[in-house]
Protein backbone atom coordinates (compact mmCIF):
# COMPACT_ATOMS: atom_id res chain seq x y z
CA MET A 1 14.30 -9.88 37.01
CA ARG A 2 11.55 -7.78 38.55
CA GLN A 3 13.76 -4.68 38.53
CA PHE A 4 14.59 -5.29 34.88
CA ALA A 5 10.88 -5.50 33.97
CA ALA A 6 10.16 -2.31 35.93
CA MET A 7 13.06 -0.54 34.21
CA MET A 8 11.87 -1.65 30.78
CA MET A 9 8.33 -0.47 31.58
CA LEU A 10 9.76 2.91 32.60
CA VAL A 11 11.72 3.14 29.35
CA VAL A 12 8.60 2.34 27.30
CA ILE A 13 6.49 4.89 29.19
CA MET A 14 9.17 7.58 28.79
CA GLY A 15 9.45 6.76 25.10
CA LEU A 16 5.71 7.18 24.66
CA MET A 17 5.62 10.41 26.64
CA MET A 18 8.67 12.01 25.00
CA PRO A 19 6.81 13.64 22.08
CA THR A 20 4.46 15.42 24.50
CA ILE A 21 7.22 16.42 26.90
CA ALA A 22 9.69 17.81 24.36
CA PRO A 23 7.96 18.88 21.15
CA ALA A 24 10.62 19.50 18.52
CA ALA A 25 8.53 21.22 15.86
CA GLY A 26 6.62 23.78 17.86
CA GLU A 27 2.87 24.11 17.49
CA LYS A 28 0.70 21.55 15.79
CA ALA A 29 0.08 22.01 12.07
CA ALA A 30 -3.33 22.76 10.66
CA ASN A 31 -5.26 20.04 8.87
CA LEU A 32 -3.63 19.20 5.57
CA VAL A 33 -5.58 18.44 2.42
CA VAL A 34 -3.93 15.86 0.18
CA VAL A 35 -4.98 15.99 -3.46
CA ALA A 36 -3.62 14.68 -6.74
CA ASP A 37 -2.34 17.41 -9.06
CA THR A 38 -4.35 17.12 -12.27
CA ARG A 39 -2.96 20.26 -13.89
CA VAL A 40 -0.15 18.35 -15.56
CA LEU A 41 -2.34 15.47 -16.80
CA THR A 42 -3.83 15.66 -20.26
CA ASP A 43 -6.56 13.65 -21.95
CA SER A 44 -4.32 12.57 -24.81
CA GLY A 45 -4.28 8.84 -25.36
CA TYR A 46 -5.61 5.98 -23.31
CA TYR A 47 -2.93 6.16 -20.63
CA GLY A 48 -3.32 9.90 -20.06
CA SER A 49 -7.10 9.65 -19.90
CA PHE A 50 -6.94 6.79 -17.41
CA MET A 51 -4.43 8.62 -15.22
CA LYS A 52 -6.62 11.75 -15.24
CA TYR A 53 -9.67 9.64 -14.35
CA MET A 54 -7.83 8.00 -11.45
CA ALA A 55 -6.56 11.36 -10.19
CA ASP A 56 -10.07 12.81 -10.39
CA ALA A 57 -11.47 9.75 -8.61
CA TYR A 58 -8.86 10.19 -5.86
CA ASN A 59 -9.77 13.87 -5.47
CA SER A 60 -13.54 13.52 -5.60
CA ASN A 61 -14.48 10.09 -4.21
CA ILE A 62 -11.84 8.12 -2.32
CA THR A 63 -14.10 5.05 -2.08
CA VAL A 64 -14.28 4.70 -5.87
CA PHE A 65 -10.51 5.09 -6.00
CA ALA A 66 -10.04 2.41 -3.33
CA VAL A 67 -12.34 -0.02 -5.17
CA TRP A 68 -10.46 0.60 -8.43
CA CYS A 69 -7.12 -0.01 -6.71
CA THR A 70 -8.38 -3.25 -5.15
CA VAL A 71 -9.81 -4.58 -8.42
CA LEU A 72 -6.75 -3.63 -10.46
CA THR A 73 -4.38 -5.19 -7.93
CA ALA A 74 -6.35 -8.46 -8.05
CA CYS A 75 -6.32 -8.40 -11.86
CA TYR A 76 -2.58 -7.75 -11.98
CA GLY A 77 -1.98 -10.60 -9.54
CA ALA A 78 -4.12 -13.02 -11.55
CA PHE A 79 -2.40 -11.97 -14.79
CA LEU A 80 1.06 -12.49 -13.31
CA GLY A 81 0.02 -15.84 -11.82
CA PHE A 82 -1.29 -17.18 -15.14
CA LEU A 83 1.74 -15.79 -16.99
CA MET A 84 4.18 -17.45 -14.61
CA ASP A 85 2.24 -20.72 -14.78
CA TYR A 86 2.47 -20.60 -18.57
CA LEU A 87 6.19 -19.80 -18.50
CA MET A 88 6.87 -22.58 -15.97
CA SER A 89 5.01 -25.12 -18.10
CA LYS A 90 7.05 -24.04 -21.16
CA THR A 91 10.29 -24.59 -19.24
CA GLY A 92 9.24 -28.11 -18.28
CA LEU A 93 8.03 -27.51 -14.74
CA ASP A 94 4.48 -28.82 -14.61
CA LEU A 95 2.93 -27.43 -11.45
CA LYS A 96 -0.64 -28.55 -12.20
CA SER A 97 -0.11 -32.30 -11.82
CA ARG A 98 2.20 -32.00 -8.82
CA LYS A 99 1.37 -34.27 -5.89
CA ILE A 100 1.52 -32.56 -2.55
CA ILE A 101 3.68 -34.64 -0.25
CA GLU A 102 4.23 -32.05 2.48
CA HIS A 103 2.38 -32.54 5.72
């Protein structure tokens, strides 16, 4: 059992060291800058304007973009939750007056 643990430790260490021992891609790449391409976005309509605003927010201030994503995800989740509750009540499944019997 002790030899097995030592062998597994050796395998893990070799696996972690392999990228430094045998680099497959050559030299390290320079720092990459990731931006949203706003050249194809137009300000026509509500959807296009919102997409351009979100792309500009991503390019200029990532914190504003992150806050927007968090708020919109919470709103989408609440909307889907209320919608599914409504649909379940219309099908006869009343989840509001359900007694919890699980322990």
